[in-house]
Structures are given as C-alpha cells and as structure tokens.
Amino acid sequence: MADVQRSDLLQKIHTSCKYSIMIDESTDISVKQNLVTYVRLLETDEFGMAELQ
C-alpha cells in the first residue's frame, strides 16, 4: 500500500466515530498465503450527516 493511501486511511480511522476491521486469511493450492484486510468506517459530511464508506 502506498504511503499516501496508508496515511489517509489512518487519518480517517482516527477521526471516525465508529469503524470495524475484518481480516481473512487463506492458503491457495500453491501453498501461498494470502491476507486480506477490510476497513469499514463512518464519516460525516459538511452537514454533520453520517456517510457509510
């Protein structure tokens, strides 16, 4: 992940009132391990309304 994207995501997580993290790990047929991380958070717009991201 690029440094700019990482810092942007971390800033959104720190300012969010609620967030969740889901992590999934699997191994494919060639015995290569894969790890996927999902982040879901609530952000507010300029009117203070929550938007699901």
Protein backbone atom coordinates (compact mmCIF):
# COMPACT_ATOMS: atom_id res chain seq x y z
CA MET A 1 0.00 0.00 0.00
CA ALA A 2 1.35 3.41 -0.90
CA ASP A 3 2.38 5.68 1.97
CA VAL A 4 -0.13 8.36 0.93
CA GLN A 5 -3.02 5.89 0.93
CA ARG A 6 -1.93 4.41 4.26
CA SER A 7 -1.70 7.80 5.98
CA ASP A 8 -5.06 8.87 4.50
CA LEU A 9 -6.73 5.68 5.76
CA LEU A 10 -5.18 6.01 9.23
CA GLN A 11 -6.34 9.63 9.47
CA LYS A 12 -9.90 8.60 8.53
CA ILE A 13 -9.86 5.82 11.14
CA HIS A 14 -8.61 8.17 13.87
CA THR A 15 -11.30 10.79 13.13
CA SER A 16 -14.14 8.31 12.64
CA CYS A 17 -16.65 7.83 15.43
CA LYS A 18 -17.13 4.13 14.55
CA TYR A 19 -15.15 1.64 12.49
CA SER A 20 -14.78 -2.10 12.05
CA ILE A 21 -11.98 -4.32 10.77
CA MET A 22 -12.40 -7.71 9.10
CA ILE A 23 -9.39 -9.91 8.36
CA ASP A 24 -9.45 -13.02 6.16
CA GLU A 25 -6.53 -15.38 5.59
CA SER A 26 -6.34 -18.26 3.17
CA THR A 27 -3.79 -20.52 1.52
CA ASP A 28 -4.07 -21.29 -2.19
CA ILE A 29 -3.20 -24.51 -4.00
CA SER A 30 0.46 -23.49 -4.43
CA VAL A 31 0.73 -23.05 -0.63
CA LYS A 32 0.96 -19.27 -0.93
CA GLN A 33 -0.64 -17.47 2.00
CA ASN A 34 -2.95 -14.51 1.34
CA LEU A 35 -4.16 -11.98 3.88
CA VAL A 36 -6.96 -9.52 3.11
CA THR A 37 -7.94 -6.72 5.48
CA TYR A 38 -11.19 -4.75 5.15
CA VAL A 39 -11.84 -1.50 7.00
CA ARG A 40 -15.34 -0.04 7.18
CA LEU A 41 -15.97 3.31 8.83
CA LEU A 42 -18.47 6.12 9.34
CA GLU A 43 -17.57 9.61 8.19
CA THR A 44 -19.61 12.78 8.49
CA ASP A 45 -20.17 15.21 5.63
CA GLU A 46 -20.12 19.01 5.84
CA PHE A 47 -23.68 18.93 7.24
CA GLY A 48 -22.81 16.50 10.07
CA MET A 49 -24.66 13.60 8.44
CA ALA A 50 -23.03 10.17 8.66
CA GLU A 51 -21.91 8.55 5.42
CA LEU A 52 -21.00 4.86 5.23
CA GLN A 53 -17.65 4.37 3.47
